[in-house]
N, C-alpha and C. Protein backbone atom coordinates (compact mmCIF):
# COMPACT_ATOMS: atom_id res chain seq x y z
N MET A 1 -7.27 -25.87 51.63
CA MET A 1 -8.00 -26.62 52.64
C MET A 1 -9.23 -27.24 51.98
N ASP A 2 -9.55 -28.46 52.33
CA ASP A 2 -10.68 -29.11 51.67
C ASP A 2 -12.02 -28.69 52.29
N ASP A 3 -13.08 -29.03 51.58
CA ASP A 3 -14.43 -28.61 51.98
C ASP A 3 -14.85 -29.16 53.34
N VAL A 4 -14.44 -30.37 53.66
CA VAL A 4 -14.83 -30.97 54.94
C VAL A 4 -14.29 -30.12 56.09
N VAL A 5 -13.02 -29.77 56.01
CA VAL A 5 -12.40 -28.96 57.07
C VAL A 5 -13.04 -27.58 57.11
N LEU A 6 -13.26 -26.98 55.94
CA LEU A 6 -13.87 -25.65 55.91
C LEU A 6 -15.27 -25.66 56.54
N ASN A 7 -16.07 -26.66 56.23
CA ASN A 7 -17.41 -26.76 56.81
C ASN A 7 -17.36 -26.94 58.33
N LYS A 8 -16.42 -27.77 58.77
CA LYS A 8 -16.29 -27.99 60.21
C LYS A 8 -15.79 -26.73 60.91
N LEU A 9 -14.91 -25.98 60.27
CA LEU A 9 -14.43 -24.72 60.85
C LEU A 9 -15.57 -23.69 60.94
N GLU A 10 -16.44 -23.68 59.95
CA GLU A 10 -17.61 -22.79 60.01
C GLU A 10 -18.50 -23.16 61.19
N SER A 11 -18.74 -24.45 61.37
CA SER A 11 -19.54 -24.91 62.50
C SER A 11 -18.87 -24.57 63.83
N LEU A 12 -17.56 -24.74 63.87
CA LEU A 12 -16.80 -24.42 65.08
C LEU A 12 -16.91 -22.93 65.41
N THR A 13 -16.84 -22.10 64.39
CA THR A 13 -16.98 -20.65 64.58
C THR A 13 -18.35 -20.32 65.16
N ARG A 14 -19.39 -20.99 64.67
CA ARG A 14 -20.74 -20.76 65.19
C ARG A 14 -20.85 -21.18 66.66
N CYS A 15 -20.28 -22.31 66.99
CA CYS A 15 -20.32 -22.78 68.39
C CYS A 15 -19.61 -21.80 69.31
N ILE A 16 -18.45 -21.36 68.92
CA ILE A 16 -17.70 -20.42 69.74
C ILE A 16 -18.46 -19.10 69.87
N GLY A 17 -19.05 -18.65 68.77
CA GLY A 17 -19.85 -17.43 68.82
C GLY A 17 -21.03 -17.56 69.76
N ARG A 18 -21.65 -18.71 69.76
CA ARG A 18 -22.79 -18.95 70.65
C ARG A 18 -22.35 -18.94 72.11
N ILE A 19 -21.21 -19.55 72.39
CA ILE A 19 -20.67 -19.55 73.75
C ILE A 19 -20.36 -18.12 74.18
N GLU A 20 -19.71 -17.38 73.31
CA GLU A 20 -19.37 -15.98 73.63
C GLU A 20 -20.61 -15.13 73.85
N SER A 21 -21.64 -15.36 73.04
CA SER A 21 -22.84 -14.54 73.16
C SER A 21 -23.63 -14.85 74.43
N LYS A 22 -23.40 -15.99 75.02
CA LYS A 22 -24.12 -16.39 76.24
C LYS A 22 -23.25 -16.31 77.49
N GLN A 23 -22.07 -15.71 77.35
CA GLN A 23 -21.17 -15.59 78.49
C GLN A 23 -21.86 -14.82 79.61
N PRO A 24 -21.93 -15.42 80.78
CA PRO A 24 -22.63 -14.76 81.89
C PRO A 24 -21.83 -13.58 82.43
N PHE A 25 -22.54 -12.67 83.08
CA PHE A 25 -21.90 -11.52 83.69
C PHE A 25 -21.16 -11.89 84.96
N SER A 26 -21.62 -12.98 85.59
CA SER A 26 -21.00 -13.39 86.85
C SER A 26 -21.16 -14.90 87.02
N VAL A 27 -20.37 -15.43 87.93
CA VAL A 27 -20.47 -16.85 88.28
C VAL A 27 -21.86 -17.13 88.86
N GLU A 28 -22.36 -16.19 89.64
CA GLU A 28 -23.68 -16.34 90.27
C GLU A 28 -24.77 -16.48 89.20
N GLN A 29 -24.67 -15.70 88.15
CA GLN A 29 -25.66 -15.78 87.06
C GLN A 29 -25.60 -17.16 86.41
N LEU A 30 -24.41 -17.67 86.20
CA LEU A 30 -24.26 -18.99 85.60
C LEU A 30 -24.79 -20.08 86.53
N LYS A 31 -24.51 -19.97 87.82
CA LYS A 31 -24.99 -20.96 88.79
C LYS A 31 -26.51 -21.05 88.80
N ASN A 32 -27.17 -19.94 88.64
CA ASN A 32 -28.63 -19.89 88.79
C ASN A 32 -29.41 -20.06 87.48
N ASN A 33 -28.73 -20.15 86.37
CA ASN A 33 -29.42 -20.21 85.09
C ASN A 33 -29.07 -21.52 84.38
N TYR A 34 -29.96 -22.50 84.54
CA TYR A 34 -29.70 -23.83 83.95
C TYR A 34 -29.77 -23.82 82.43
N ASP A 35 -30.59 -22.98 81.86
CA ASP A 35 -30.64 -22.87 80.40
C ASP A 35 -29.31 -22.35 79.86
N LEU A 36 -28.75 -21.37 80.52
CA LEU A 36 -27.46 -20.82 80.13
C LEU A 36 -26.37 -21.89 80.25
N GLN A 37 -26.41 -22.65 81.33
CA GLN A 37 -25.45 -23.74 81.51
C GLN A 37 -25.56 -24.75 80.36
N ASP A 38 -26.80 -25.08 79.99
CA ASP A 38 -27.01 -26.04 78.90
C ASP A 38 -26.49 -25.51 77.57
N ILE A 39 -26.79 -24.27 77.26
CA ILE A 39 -26.34 -23.69 75.99
C ILE A 39 -24.82 -23.68 75.91
N ILE A 40 -24.18 -23.27 76.99
CA ILE A 40 -22.72 -23.20 76.99
C ILE A 40 -22.11 -24.60 76.93
N SER A 41 -22.62 -25.53 77.73
CA SER A 41 -22.02 -26.87 77.76
C SER A 41 -22.25 -27.62 76.45
N ILE A 42 -23.41 -27.49 75.86
CA ILE A 42 -23.68 -28.18 74.59
C ILE A 42 -22.79 -27.64 73.48
N ASN A 43 -22.66 -26.32 73.42
CA ASN A 43 -21.82 -25.74 72.38
C ASN A 43 -20.34 -26.01 72.62
N LEU A 44 -19.93 -26.07 73.86
CA LEU A 44 -18.55 -26.44 74.17
C LEU A 44 -18.28 -27.89 73.76
N GLU A 45 -19.23 -28.76 74.05
CA GLU A 45 -19.09 -30.17 73.64
C GLU A 45 -19.03 -30.29 72.12
N ARG A 46 -19.89 -29.57 71.43
CA ARG A 46 -19.87 -29.58 69.96
C ARG A 46 -18.55 -29.06 69.42
N ALA A 47 -18.04 -27.98 70.01
CA ALA A 47 -16.78 -27.40 69.56
C ALA A 47 -15.64 -28.40 69.72
N ILE A 48 -15.60 -29.08 70.85
CA ILE A 48 -14.56 -30.07 71.08
C ILE A 48 -14.67 -31.20 70.07
N GLN A 49 -15.89 -31.69 69.83
CA GLN A 49 -16.08 -32.77 68.87
C GLN A 49 -15.67 -32.34 67.46
N LEU A 50 -15.98 -31.11 67.10
CA LEU A 50 -15.57 -30.60 65.79
C LEU A 50 -14.05 -30.57 65.66
N CYS A 51 -13.35 -30.17 66.72
CA CYS A 51 -11.89 -30.17 66.69
C CYS A 51 -11.34 -31.58 66.51
N VAL A 52 -11.93 -32.54 67.20
CA VAL A 52 -11.52 -33.94 67.05
C VAL A 52 -11.80 -34.41 65.62
N ASP A 53 -12.96 -34.07 65.09
CA ASP A 53 -13.31 -34.46 63.72
C ASP A 53 -12.32 -33.88 62.71
N ILE A 54 -11.97 -32.62 62.89
CA ILE A 54 -11.01 -31.97 61.99
C ILE A 54 -9.66 -32.68 62.07
N GLY A 55 -9.20 -32.93 63.29
CA GLY A 55 -7.93 -33.64 63.46
C GLY A 55 -7.94 -35.01 62.84
N SER A 56 -9.02 -35.75 63.04
CA SER A 56 -9.14 -37.10 62.47
C SER A 56 -9.16 -37.05 60.95
N HIS A 57 -9.85 -36.08 60.42
CA HIS A 57 -9.92 -35.93 58.96
C HIS A 57 -8.53 -35.63 58.38
N ILE A 58 -7.81 -34.75 59.03
CA ILE A 58 -6.46 -34.41 58.55
C ILE A 58 -5.56 -35.64 58.61
N LEU A 59 -5.64 -36.40 59.69
CA LEU A 59 -4.84 -37.63 59.77
C LEU A 59 -5.19 -38.59 58.64
N ALA A 60 -6.49 -38.71 58.35
CA ALA A 60 -6.93 -39.63 57.30
C ALA A 60 -6.43 -39.20 55.93
N ILE A 61 -6.54 -37.90 55.61
CA ILE A 61 -6.11 -37.47 54.26
C ILE A 61 -4.59 -37.50 54.11
N LYS A 62 -3.88 -37.51 55.23
CA LYS A 62 -2.42 -37.62 55.17
C LYS A 62 -1.97 -39.09 55.31
N ASN A 63 -2.96 -39.99 55.33
CA ASN A 63 -2.68 -41.43 55.46
C ASN A 63 -1.86 -41.76 56.70
N LEU A 64 -2.15 -41.07 57.78
CA LEU A 64 -1.50 -41.35 59.05
C LEU A 64 -2.38 -42.30 59.85
N PRO A 65 -1.81 -43.03 60.80
CA PRO A 65 -2.61 -43.97 61.57
C PRO A 65 -3.70 -43.27 62.38
N ALA A 66 -4.80 -43.95 62.51
CA ALA A 66 -5.90 -43.42 63.31
C ALA A 66 -5.47 -43.35 64.78
N PRO A 67 -5.87 -42.32 65.47
CA PRO A 67 -5.49 -42.21 66.88
C PRO A 67 -6.22 -43.27 67.72
N ASN A 68 -5.60 -43.67 68.82
CA ASN A 68 -6.24 -44.66 69.69
C ASN A 68 -7.04 -44.01 70.81
N SER A 69 -7.04 -42.67 70.85
CA SER A 69 -7.86 -41.93 71.81
C SER A 69 -8.11 -40.53 71.25
N LEU A 70 -9.07 -39.84 71.82
CA LEU A 70 -9.34 -38.48 71.36
C LEU A 70 -8.12 -37.59 71.59
N ARG A 71 -7.47 -37.77 72.71
CA ARG A 71 -6.31 -36.95 73.04
C ARG A 71 -5.19 -37.11 72.02
N THR A 72 -4.96 -38.34 71.58
CA THR A 72 -3.84 -38.57 70.66
C THR A 72 -4.12 -38.04 69.26
N THR A 73 -5.34 -37.62 69.00
CA THR A 73 -5.64 -36.96 67.73
C THR A 73 -4.76 -35.73 67.56
N PHE A 74 -4.42 -35.09 68.66
CA PHE A 74 -3.71 -33.82 68.61
C PHE A 74 -2.23 -33.92 68.93
N LYS A 75 -1.76 -35.12 69.23
CA LYS A 75 -0.34 -35.30 69.52
C LYS A 75 0.44 -35.38 68.22
N THR A 76 1.58 -34.75 68.21
CA THR A 76 2.45 -34.82 67.04
C THR A 76 3.49 -35.90 67.30
N HIS A 77 3.61 -36.81 66.37
CA HIS A 77 4.60 -37.87 66.49
C HIS A 77 5.68 -37.62 65.45
N VAL A 78 6.89 -37.43 65.92
CA VAL A 78 8.01 -37.17 65.02
C VAL A 78 9.00 -38.30 65.19
N GLU A 79 9.32 -38.91 64.06
CA GLU A 79 10.32 -39.99 64.12
C GLU A 79 11.69 -39.37 64.04
N THR A 80 12.60 -39.92 64.81
CA THR A 80 13.98 -39.41 64.78
C THR A 80 14.91 -40.41 64.17
């Protein structure tokens, strides 16, 4: 695995760890704590972006066409 992917995976691990460490005890706690909501949503957004970046990087190093949307970054296209 190349360094770009490894670095992004390390960042992804940190984001997921941060989300897990801030997991509320209840829905009520999450509803009432805007700082907690911000920490979770920002790290979730970062984690998603890192996954897209990793997918895009893999497509690029394999000389595959760039996706036309974030969703298609993760679709597998098999020619028959």
